[in-house]
Full PDB file with SEQRES, HELIX, SHEET, SSBOND, CRYST1, ORIGX, SCALE, CONECT and MASTER records, all heavy atoms in Angstrom:
SEQRES   1 A   37  GLY ASN ARG ASN VAL GLU GLU LEU LEU PRO GLU ALA THR          
SEQRES   2 A   37  ARG GLU MET PHE LEU GLN GLY SER ALA GLY VAL TRP GLU          
SEQRES   3 A   37  ARG GLY ASP LEU GLN VAL ILE ASN VAL THR SER                  
HELIX    1 AA1 VAL A    5  LEU A    8  5                                   4    
HELIX    2 AA2 GLU A   11  TRP A   25  1                                  15    
CRYST1    1.000    1.000    1.000  90.00  90.00  90.00 P 1           1          
ORIGX1      1.000000  0.000000  0.000000        0.00000                         
ORIGX2      0.000000  1.000000  0.000000        0.00000                         
ORIGX3      0.000000  0.000000  1.000000        0.00000                         
SCALE1      1.000000  0.000000  0.000000        0.00000                         
SCALE2      0.000000  1.000000  0.000000        0.00000                         
SCALE3      0.000000  0.000000  1.000000        0.00000                         
ATOM      1  N   GLY A   1      -7.230   9.656  -3.908  1.00  0.00           N  
ATOM      2  CA  GLY A   1      -8.461  10.086  -4.503  1.00  0.00           C  
ATOM      3  C   GLY A   1      -9.552  10.419  -3.444  1.00  0.00           C  
ATOM      4  O   GLY A   1     -10.518  11.110  -3.826  1.00  0.00           O  
ATOM      5  N   ASN A   2      -9.449   9.926  -2.246  1.00  0.00           N  
ATOM      6  CA  ASN A   2     -10.547  10.105  -1.275  1.00  0.00           C  
ATOM      7  C   ASN A   2     -10.199  11.118  -0.166  1.00  0.00           C  
ATOM      8  O   ASN A   2     -10.642  10.995   0.944  1.00  0.00           O  
ATOM      9  CB  ASN A   2     -10.881   8.771  -0.614  1.00  0.00           C  
ATOM     10  CG  ASN A   2      -9.725   8.153   0.146  1.00  0.00           C  
ATOM     11  OD1 ASN A   2      -8.521   8.495  -0.118  1.00  0.00           O  
ATOM     12  ND2 ASN A   2     -10.020   7.350   1.123  1.00  0.00           N  
ATOM     13  N   ARG A   3      -9.308  12.063  -0.489  1.00  0.00           N  
ATOM     14  CA  ARG A   3      -8.903  13.041   0.503  1.00  0.00           C  
ATOM     15  C   ARG A   3      -8.832  14.436  -0.164  1.00  0.00           C  
ATOM     16  O   ARG A   3      -8.578  14.516  -1.390  1.00  0.00           O  
ATOM     17  CB  ARG A   3      -7.558  12.760   1.117  1.00  0.00           C  
ATOM     18  CG  ARG A   3      -7.563  11.447   1.966  1.00  0.00           C  
ATOM     19  CD  ARG A   3      -8.206  11.600   3.254  1.00  0.00           C  
ATOM     20  NE  ARG A   3      -8.195  10.328   3.999  1.00  0.00           N  
ATOM     21  CZ  ARG A   3      -8.068  10.297   5.376  1.00  0.00           C  
ATOM     22  NH1 ARG A   3      -7.888  11.425   6.045  1.00  0.00           N  
ATOM     23  NH2 ARG A   3      -8.099   9.175   5.970  1.00  0.00           N  
ATOM     24  N   ASN A   4      -9.015  15.479   0.679  1.00  0.00           N  
ATOM     25  CA  ASN A   4      -8.732  16.858   0.284  1.00  0.00           C  
ATOM     26  C   ASN A   4      -7.378  17.238   0.834  1.00  0.00           C  
ATOM     27  O   ASN A   4      -6.791  16.563   1.702  1.00  0.00           O  
ATOM     28  CB  ASN A   4      -9.778  17.816   0.788  1.00  0.00           C  
ATOM     29  CG  ASN A   4     -11.124  17.582   0.063  1.00  0.00           C  
ATOM     30  OD1 ASN A   4     -11.144  17.096  -1.019  1.00  0.00           O  
ATOM     31  ND2 ASN A   4     -12.258  17.878   0.773  1.00  0.00           N  
ATOM     32  N   VAL A   5      -6.844  18.332   0.351  1.00  0.00           N  
ATOM     33  CA  VAL A   5      -5.453  18.720   0.715  1.00  0.00           C  
ATOM     34  C   VAL A   5      -5.451  19.090   2.228  1.00  0.00           C  
ATOM     35  O   VAL A   5      -4.436  18.884   2.882  1.00  0.00           O  
ATOM     36  CB  VAL A   5      -4.993  19.883  -0.190  1.00  0.00           C  
ATOM     37  CG1 VAL A   5      -5.820  21.144   0.052  1.00  0.00           C  
ATOM     38  CG2 VAL A   5      -3.492  20.195   0.109  1.00  0.00           C  
ATOM     39  N   GLU A   6      -6.522  19.635   2.761  1.00  0.00           N  
ATOM     40  CA  GLU A   6      -6.510  20.034   4.152  1.00  0.00           C  
ATOM     41  C   GLU A   6      -6.476  18.817   5.080  1.00  0.00           C  
ATOM     42  O   GLU A   6      -6.003  18.940   6.201  1.00  0.00           O  
ATOM     43  CB  GLU A   6      -7.774  20.844   4.496  1.00  0.00           C  
ATOM     44  CG  GLU A   6      -7.842  22.206   3.812  1.00  0.00           C  
ATOM     45  CD  GLU A   6      -8.327  22.177   2.371  1.00  0.00           C  
ATOM     46  OE1 GLU A   6      -8.688  21.046   1.950  1.00  0.00           O  
ATOM     47  OE2 GLU A   6      -8.381  23.190   1.690  1.00  0.00           O  
ATOM     48  N   GLU A   7      -6.942  17.670   4.594  1.00  0.00           N  
ATOM     49  CA  GLU A   7      -6.987  16.469   5.401  1.00  0.00           C  
ATOM     50  C   GLU A   7      -5.569  15.822   5.453  1.00  0.00           C  
ATOM     51  O   GLU A   7      -5.362  14.948   6.349  1.00  0.00           O  
ATOM     52  CB  GLU A   7      -7.980  15.470   4.826  1.00  0.00           C  
ATOM     53  CG  GLU A   7      -9.402  16.038   4.840  1.00  0.00           C  
ATOM     54  CD  GLU A   7     -10.350  15.045   4.164  1.00  0.00           C  
ATOM     55  OE1 GLU A   7      -9.930  13.990   3.631  1.00  0.00           O  
ATOM     56  OE2 GLU A   7     -11.573  15.351   4.145  1.00  0.00           O  
ATOM     57  N   LEU A   8      -4.683  16.186   4.567  1.00  0.00           N  
ATOM     58  CA  LEU A   8      -3.294  15.526   4.638  1.00  0.00           C  
ATOM     59  C   LEU A   8      -2.309  16.500   5.338  1.00  0.00           C  
ATOM     60  O   LEU A   8      -1.185  16.062   5.510  1.00  0.00           O  
ATOM     61  CB  LEU A   8      -2.840  15.309   3.166  1.00  0.00           C  
ATOM     62  CG  LEU A   8      -2.993  13.898   2.593  1.00  0.00           C  
ATOM     63  CD1 LEU A   8      -2.247  12.919   3.382  1.00  0.00           C  
ATOM     64  CD2 LEU A   8      -4.508  13.495   2.573  1.00  0.00           C  
ATOM     65  N   LEU A   9      -2.721  17.657   5.783  1.00  0.00           N  
ATOM     66  CA  LEU A   9      -1.820  18.555   6.438  1.00  0.00           C  
ATOM     67  C   LEU A   9      -1.535  18.209   7.886  1.00  0.00           C  
ATOM     68  O   LEU A   9      -0.391  18.354   8.356  1.00  0.00           O  
ATOM     69  CB  LEU A   9      -2.318  19.968   6.353  1.00  0.00           C  
ATOM     70  CG  LEU A   9      -2.403  20.610   4.914  1.00  0.00           C  
ATOM     71  CD1 LEU A   9      -2.970  22.011   4.982  1.00  0.00           C  
ATOM     72  CD2 LEU A   9      -1.054  20.567   4.221  1.00  0.00           C  
ATOM     73  N   PRO A  10      -2.454  17.634   8.637  1.00  0.00           N  
ATOM     74  CA  PRO A  10      -2.119  17.310  10.058  1.00  0.00           C  
ATOM     75  C   PRO A  10      -1.028  16.216  10.113  1.00  0.00           C  
ATOM     76  O   PRO A  10      -0.928  15.328   9.230  1.00  0.00           O  
ATOM     77  CB  PRO A  10      -3.484  16.716  10.559  1.00  0.00           C  
ATOM     78  CG  PRO A  10      -4.512  17.399   9.751  1.00  0.00           C  
ATOM     79  CD  PRO A  10      -3.942  17.504   8.350  1.00  0.00           C  
ATOM     80  N   GLU A  11      -0.204  16.298  11.115  1.00  0.00           N  
ATOM     81  CA  GLU A  11       0.898  15.420  11.248  1.00  0.00           C  
ATOM     82  C   GLU A  11       0.483  13.978  11.475  1.00  0.00           C  
ATOM     83  O   GLU A  11       1.114  13.049  10.940  1.00  0.00           O  
ATOM     84  CB  GLU A  11       1.824  15.880  12.451  1.00  0.00           C  
ATOM     85  CG  GLU A  11       3.066  15.083  12.557  1.00  0.00           C  
ATOM     86  CD  GLU A  11       3.954  15.568  13.721  1.00  0.00           C  
ATOM     87  OE1 GLU A  11       3.543  16.604  14.348  1.00  0.00           O  
ATOM     88  OE2 GLU A  11       5.001  14.968  13.946  1.00  0.00           O  
ATOM     89  N   ALA A  12      -0.580  13.791  12.199  1.00  0.00           N  
ATOM     90  CA  ALA A  12      -1.061  12.405  12.450  1.00  0.00           C  
ATOM     91  C   ALA A  12      -1.489  11.718  11.166  1.00  0.00           C  
ATOM     92  O   ALA A  12      -1.162  10.534  10.941  1.00  0.00           O  
ATOM     93  CB  ALA A  12      -2.187  12.433  13.443  1.00  0.00           C  
ATOM     94  N   THR A  13      -2.137  12.455  10.229  1.00  0.00           N  
ATOM     95  CA  THR A  13      -2.545  11.898   8.981  1.00  0.00           C  
ATOM     96  C   THR A  13      -1.346  11.620   8.096  1.00  0.00           C  
ATOM     97  O   THR A  13      -1.290  10.560   7.396  1.00  0.00           O  
ATOM     98  CB  THR A  13      -3.543  12.828   8.250  1.00  0.00           C  
ATOM     99  OG1 THR A  13      -4.577  13.233   9.128  1.00  0.00           O  
ATOM    100  CG2 THR A  13      -4.121  12.175   7.014  1.00  0.00           C  
ATOM    101  N   ARG A  14      -0.340  12.519   8.120  1.00  0.00           N  
ATOM    102  CA  ARG A  14       0.834  12.257   7.291  1.00  0.00           C  
ATOM    103  C   ARG A  14       1.611  11.054   7.837  1.00  0.00           C  
ATOM    104  O   ARG A  14       2.249  10.293   7.026  1.00  0.00           O  
ATOM    105  CB  ARG A  14       1.740  13.485   7.286  1.00  0.00           C  
ATOM    106  CG  ARG A  14       1.087  14.590   6.361  1.00  0.00           C  
ATOM    107  CD  ARG A  14       2.004  15.739   6.255  1.00  0.00           C  
ATOM    108  NE  ARG A  14       2.040  16.633   7.383  1.00  0.00           N  
ATOM    109  CZ  ARG A  14       3.044  16.782   8.183  1.00  0.00           C  
ATOM    110  NH1 ARG A  14       4.184  16.117   7.999  1.00  0.00           N  
ATOM    111  NH2 ARG A  14       2.963  17.606   9.222  1.00  0.00           N  
ATOM    112  N   GLU A  15       1.678  10.859   9.140  1.00  0.00           N  
ATOM    113  CA  GLU A  15       2.342   9.687   9.667  1.00  0.00           C  
ATOM    114  C   GLU A  15       1.606   8.425   9.258  1.00  0.00           C  
ATOM    115  O   GLU A  15       2.258   7.361   8.960  1.00  0.00           O  
ATOM    116  CB  GLU A  15       2.370   9.823  11.222  1.00  0.00           C  
ATOM    117  CG  GLU A  15       3.357  10.870  11.681  1.00  0.00           C  
ATOM    118  CD  GLU A  15       4.786  10.621  11.345  1.00  0.00           C  
ATOM    119  OE1 GLU A  15       5.153   9.373  11.190  1.00  0.00           O  
ATOM    120  OE2 GLU A  15       5.613  11.493  11.215  1.00  0.00           O  
ATOM    121  N   MET A  16       0.286   8.449   9.201  1.00  0.00           N  
ATOM    122  CA  MET A  16      -0.475   7.260   8.817  1.00  0.00           C  
ATOM    123  C   MET A  16      -0.205   6.984   7.349  1.00  0.00           C  
ATOM    124  O   MET A  16      -0.070   5.824   6.902  1.00  0.00           O  
ATOM    125  CB  MET A  16      -1.984   7.498   9.013  1.00  0.00           C  
ATOM    126  CG  MET A  16      -2.868   6.335   8.695  1.00  0.00           C  
ATOM    127  SD  MET A  16      -4.650   6.741   8.883  1.00  0.00           S  
ATOM    128  CE  MET A  16      -4.608   7.394  10.557  1.00  0.00           C  
ATOM    129  N   PHE A  17      -0.046   8.046   6.489  1.00  0.00           N  
ATOM    130  CA  PHE A  17       0.266   7.843   5.088  1.00  0.00           C  
ATOM    131  C   PHE A  17       1.679   7.304   4.946  1.00  0.00           C  
ATOM    132  O   PHE A  17       1.916   6.460   4.096  1.00  0.00           O  
ATOM    133  CB  PHE A  17       0.181   9.159   4.376  1.00  0.00           C  
ATOM    134  CG  PHE A  17       0.254   9.027   2.870  1.00  0.00           C  
ATOM    135  CD1 PHE A  17      -0.804   8.755   2.072  1.00  0.00           C  
ATOM    136  CD2 PHE A  17       1.473   9.247   2.258  1.00  0.00           C  
ATOM    137  CE1 PHE A  17      -0.713   8.588   0.728  1.00  0.00           C  
ATOM    138  CE2 PHE A  17       1.615   9.092   0.876  1.00  0.00           C  
ATOM    139  CZ  PHE A  17       0.473   8.763   0.079  1.00  0.00           C  
ATOM    140  N   LEU A  18       2.582   7.701   5.742  1.00  0.00           N  
ATOM    141  CA  LEU A  18       3.977   7.174   5.665  1.00  0.00           C  
ATOM    142  C   LEU A  18       4.001   5.697   6.067  1.00  0.00           C  
ATOM    143  O   LEU A  18       4.833   4.939   5.480  1.00  0.00           O  
ATOM    144  CB  LEU A  18       4.877   8.003   6.601  1.00  0.00           C  
ATOM    145  CG  LEU A  18       5.241   9.404   6.110  1.00  0.00           C  
ATOM    146  CD1 LEU A  18       6.133  10.112   7.091  1.00  0.00           C  
ATOM    147  CD2 LEU A  18       5.955   9.351   4.748  1.00  0.00           C  
ATOM    148  N   GLN A  19       3.162   5.337   7.012  1.00  0.00           N  
ATOM    149  CA  GLN A  19       3.098   3.922   7.353  1.00  0.00           C  
ATOM    150  C   GLN A  19       2.599   3.045   6.174  1.00  0.00           C  
ATOM    151  O   GLN A  19       3.166   1.989   5.900  1.00  0.00           O  
ATOM    152  CB  GLN A  19       2.180   3.718   8.580  1.00  0.00           C  
ATOM    153  CG  GLN A  19       2.760   4.319   9.882  1.00  0.00           C  
ATOM    154  CD  GLN A  19       1.796   4.167  10.988  1.00  0.00           C  
ATOM    155  OE1 GLN A  19       0.709   3.521  10.871  1.00  0.00           O  
ATOM    156  NE2 GLN A  19       2.144   4.733  12.135  1.00  0.00           N  
ATOM    157  N   GLY A  20       1.583   3.570   5.454  1.00  0.00           N  
ATOM    158  CA  GLY A  20       1.184   2.871   4.283  1.00  0.00           C  
ATOM    159  C   GLY A  20       2.230   2.848   3.195  1.00  0.00           C  
ATOM    160  O   GLY A  20       2.359   1.827   2.499  1.00  0.00           O  
ATOM    161  N   SER A  21       2.961   3.936   3.046  1.00  0.00           N  
ATOM    162  CA  SER A  21       4.011   3.995   2.042  1.00  0.00           C  
ATOM    163  C   SER A  21       5.129   3.035   2.372  1.00  0.00           C  
ATOM    164  O   SER A  21       5.736   2.417   1.499  1.00  0.00           O  
ATOM    165  CB  SER A  21       4.572   5.419   1.948  1.00  0.00           C  
ATOM    166  OG  SER A  21       3.548   6.340   1.625  1.00  0.00           O  
ATOM    167  N   ALA A  22       5.431   2.885   3.676  1.00  0.00           N  
ATOM    168  CA  ALA A  22       6.476   1.978   4.080  1.00  0.00           C  
ATOM    169  C   ALA A  22       6.153   0.539   3.768  1.00  0.00           C  
ATOM    170  O   ALA A  22       7.015  -0.309   3.528  1.00  0.00           O  
ATOM    171  CB  ALA A  22       6.763   2.118   5.577  1.00  0.00           C  
ATOM    172  N   GLY A  23       4.831   0.210   3.706  1.00  0.00           N  
ATOM    173  CA  GLY A  23       4.455  -1.186   3.405  1.00  0.00           C  
ATOM    174  C   GLY A  23       4.687  -1.542   1.982  1.00  0.00           C  
ATOM    175  O   GLY A  23       5.099  -2.680   1.672  1.00  0.00           O  
ATOM    176  N   VAL A  24       4.406  -0.572   1.043  1.00  0.00           N  
ATOM    177  CA  VAL A  24       4.661  -0.900  -0.370  1.00  0.00           C  
ATOM    178  C   VAL A  24       6.101  -0.554  -0.831  1.00  0.00           C  
ATOM    179  O   VAL A  24       6.577  -1.126  -1.790  1.00  0.00           O  
ATOM    180  CB  VAL A  24       3.641  -0.120  -1.238  1.00  0.00           C  
ATOM    181  CG1 VAL A  24       2.233  -0.515  -0.915  1.00  0.00           C  
ATOM    182  CG2 VAL A  24       3.763   1.425  -1.023  1.00  0.00           C  
ATOM    183  N   TRP A  25       6.753   0.336  -0.110  1.00  0.00           N  
ATOM    184  CA  TRP A  25       8.189   0.738  -0.462  1.00  0.00           C  
ATOM    185  C   TRP A  25       9.123  -0.280   0.184  1.00  0.00           C  
ATOM    186  O   TRP A  25      10.250  -0.366  -0.297  1.00  0.00           O  
ATOM    187  CB  TRP A  25       8.406   2.147   0.003  1.00  0.00           C  
ATOM    188  CG  TRP A  25       9.550   2.824  -0.703  1.00  0.00           C  
ATOM    189  CD1 TRP A  25      10.816   2.374  -0.939  1.00  0.00           C  
ATOM    190  CD2 TRP A  25       9.469   4.079  -1.346  1.00  0.00           C  
ATOM    191  NE1 TRP A  25      11.571   3.292  -1.602  1.00  0.00           N  
ATOM    192  CE2 TRP A  25      10.766   4.381  -1.897  1.00  0.00           C  
ATOM    193  CE3 TRP A  25       8.470   5.046  -1.471  1.00  0.00           C  
ATOM    194  CZ2 TRP A  25      11.044   5.542  -2.567  1.00  0.00           C  
ATOM    195  CZ3 TRP A  25       8.760   6.215  -2.129  1.00  0.00           C  
ATOM    196  CH2 TRP A  25      10.024   6.448  -2.690  1.00  0.00           C  
ATOM    197  N   GLU A  26       8.684  -0.907   1.256  1.00  0.00           N  
ATOM    198  CA  GLU A  26       9.546  -1.836   1.990  1.00  0.00           C  
ATOM    199  C   GLU A  26      10.758  -1.118   2.579  1.00  0.00           C  
ATOM    200  O   GLU A  26      11.873  -1.680   2.663  1.00  0.00           O  
ATOM    201  CB  GLU A  26       9.974  -2.987   1.087  1.00  0.00           C  
ATOM    202  CG  GLU A  26       8.830  -3.813   0.527  1.00  0.00           C  
ATOM    203  CD  GLU A  26       9.267  -4.917  -0.374  1.00  0.00           C  
ATOM    204  OE1 GLU A  26      10.531  -5.066  -0.578  1.00  0.00           O  
ATOM    205  OE2 GLU A  26       8.376  -5.651  -0.867  1.00  0.00           O  
ATOM    206  N   ARG A  27      10.554   0.121   2.954  1.00  0.00           N  
ATOM    207  CA  ARG A  27      11.644   0.905   3.553  1.00  0.00           C  
ATOM    208  C   ARG A  27      11.043   1.706   4.749  1.00  0.00           C  
ATOM    209  O   ARG A  27       9.812   1.903   4.768  1.00  0.00           O  
ATOM    210  CB  ARG A  27      12.265   1.886   2.577  1.00  0.00           C  
ATOM    211  CG  ARG A  27      12.946   1.241   1.368  1.00  0.00           C  
ATOM    212  CD  ARG A  27      14.185   0.455   1.800  1.00  0.00           C  
ATOM    213  NE  ARG A  27      14.931  -0.080   0.680  1.00  0.00           N  
ATOM    214  CZ  ARG A  27      14.732  -1.225   0.099  1.00  0.00           C  
ATOM    215  NH1 ARG A  27      13.699  -1.976   0.528  1.00  0.00           N  
ATOM    216  NH2 ARG A  27      15.395  -1.633  -0.970  1.00  0.00           N  
ATOM    217  N   GLY A  28      11.892   2.131   5.642  1.00  0.00           N  
ATOM    218  CA  GLY A  28      11.432   2.841   6.767  1.00  0.00           C  
ATOM    219  C   GLY A  28      11.895   4.314   6.852  1.00  0.00           C  
ATOM    220  O   GLY A  28      11.429   5.081   7.685  1.00  0.00           O  
ATOM    221  N   ASP A  29      12.805   4.664   5.982  1.00  0.00           N  
ATOM    222  CA  ASP A  29      13.348   6.066   6.034  1.00  0.00           C  
ATOM    223  C   ASP A  29      12.554   7.029   5.047  1.00  0.00           C  
ATOM    224  O   ASP A  29      13.129   7.651   4.233  1.00  0.00           O  
ATOM    225  CB  ASP A  29      14.831   6.071   5.685  1.00  0.00           C  
ATOM    226  CG  ASP A  29      15.085   5.517   4.272  1.00  0.00           C  
ATOM    227  OD1 ASP A  29      14.234   4.678   3.817  1.00  0.00           O  
ATOM    228  OD2 ASP A  29      16.093   5.897   3.661  1.00  0.00           O  
ATOM    229  N   LEU A  30      11.249   6.977   5.167  1.00  0.00           N  
ATOM    230  CA  LEU A  30      10.407   7.788   4.260  1.00  0.00           C  
ATOM    231  C   LEU A  30      10.048   9.113   4.893  1.00  0.00           C  
ATOM    232  O   LEU A  30       9.972   9.222   6.122  1.00  0.00           O  
ATOM    233  CB  LEU A  30       9.146   7.016   3.924  1.00  0.00           C  
ATOM    234  CG  LEU A  30       9.322   5.671   3.229  1.00  0.00           C  
ATOM    235  CD1 LEU A  30       8.023   4.995   2.963  1.00  0.00           C  
ATOM    236  CD2 LEU A  30      10.159   5.795   1.921  1.00  0.00           C  
ATOM    237  N   GLN A  31       9.849  10.095   4.055  1.00  0.00           N  
ATOM    238  CA  GLN A  31       9.435  11.422   4.539  1.00  0.00           C  
ATOM    239  C   GLN A  31       8.589  12.056   3.476  1.00  0.00           C  
ATOM    240  O   GLN A  31       8.818  11.833   2.291  1.00  0.00           O  
ATOM    241  CB  GLN A  31      10.620  12.310   4.852  1.00  0.00           C  
ATOM    242  CG  GLN A  31      11.610  12.480   3.735  1.00  0.00           C  
ATOM    243  CD  GLN A  31      12.794  13.354   4.124  1.00  0.00           C  
ATOM    244  OE1 GLN A  31      12.595  14.424   4.710  1.00  0.00           O  
ATOM    245  NE2 GLN A  31      14.002  12.935   3.835  1.00  0.00           N  
ATOM    246  N   VAL A  32       7.629  12.870   3.931  1.00  0.00           N  
ATOM    247  CA  VAL A  32       6.728  13.588   2.969  1.00  0.00           C  
ATOM    248  C   VAL A  32       7.438  14.805   2.484  1.00  0.00           C  
ATOM    249  O   VAL A  32       7.914  15.614   3.260  1.00  0.00           O  
ATOM    250  CB  VAL A  32       5.405  13.911   3.696  1.00  0.00           C  
ATOM    251  CG1 VAL A  32       4.551  14.738   2.730  1.00  0.00           C  
ATOM    252  CG2 VAL A  32       4.683  12.679   4.109  1.00  0.00           C  
ATOM    253  N   ILE A  33       7.545  14.938   1.201  1.00  0.00           N  
ATOM    254  CA  ILE A  33       8.235  16.058   0.545  1.00  0.00           C  
ATOM    255  C   ILE A  33       7.284  17.172   0.155  1.00  0.00           C  
ATOM    256  O   ILE A  33       7.519  18.375   0.349  1.00  0.00           O  
ATOM    257  CB  ILE A  33       9.058  15.594  -0.655  1.00  0.00           C  
ATOM    258  CG1 ILE A  33      10.092  14.587  -0.213  1.00  0.00           C  
ATOM    259  CG2 ILE A  33       9.760  16.786  -1.311  1.00  0.00           C  
ATOM    260  CD1 ILE A  33      10.917  14.003  -1.329  1.00  0.00           C  
ATOM    261  N   ASN A  34       6.171  16.811  -0.388  1.00  0.00           N  
ATOM    262  CA  ASN A  34       5.259  17.766  -0.975  1.00  0.00           C  
ATOM    263  C   ASN A  34       3.813  17.257  -0.888  1.00  0.00           C  
ATOM    264  O   ASN A  34       3.569  16.050  -1.060  1.00  0.00           O  
ATOM    265  CB  ASN A  34       5.576  18.131  -2.428  1.00  0.00           C  
ATOM    266  CG  ASN A  34       4.842  19.297  -2.920  1.00  0.00           C  
ATOM    267  OD1 ASN A  34       4.171  19.971  -2.177  1.00  0.00           O  
ATOM    268  ND2 ASN A  34       4.904  19.567  -4.239  1.00  0.00           N  
ATOM    269  N   VAL A  35       2.845  18.217  -0.660  1.00  0.00           N  
ATOM    270  CA  VAL A  35       1.441  17.893  -0.659  1.00  0.00           C  
ATOM    271  C   VAL A  35       0.760  18.904  -1.478  1.00  0.00           C  
ATOM    272  O   VAL A  35       0.820  20.131  -1.248  1.00  0.00           O  
ATOM    273  CB  VAL A  35       0.829  17.879   0.765  1.00  0.00           C  
ATOM    274  CG1 VAL A  35      -0.645  17.619   0.717  1.00  0.00           C  
ATOM    275  CG2 VAL A  35       1.538  16.865   1.649  1.00  0.00           C  
ATOM    276  N   THR A  36       0.122  18.486  -2.649  1.00  0.00           N  
ATOM    277  CA  THR A  36      -0.455  19.365  -3.563  1.00  0.00           C  
ATOM    278  C   THR A  36      -1.864  18.896  -3.925  1.00  0.00           C  
ATOM    279  O   THR A  36      -2.116  17.720  -4.079  1.00  0.00           O  
ATOM    280  CB  THR A  36       0.372  19.447  -4.914  1.00  0.00           C  
ATOM    281  OG1 THR A  36       1.716  19.762  -4.570  1.00  0.00           O  
ATOM    282  CG2 THR A  36      -0.195  20.482  -5.844  1.00  0.00           C  
ATOM    283  N   SER A  37      -2.781  19.866  -3.978  1.00  0.00           N  
ATOM    284  CA  SER A  37      -4.143  19.547  -4.392  1.00  0.00           C  
ATOM    285  C   SER A  37      -4.194  19.135  -5.828  1.00  0.00           C  
ATOM    286  O   SER A  37      -3.458  19.676  -6.677  1.00  0.00           O  
ATOM    287  CB  SER A  37      -5.055  20.729  -4.110  1.00  0.00           C  
ATOM    288  OG  SER A  37      -6.390  20.470  -4.610  1.00  0.00           O  
TER     289      SER A  37                                                      
MASTER        0    0    0    2    0    0    0    6  288    1    0    3          
END                                                                             
């Protein structure tokens, strides 16, 4: 809710999001499939 689509496109931001996803998913083989506004 606190981001625009342009802010999720950089690789560094997506890696930070994957780190947060790994904490709740409890898995490490995560990858971003789609980013939609």
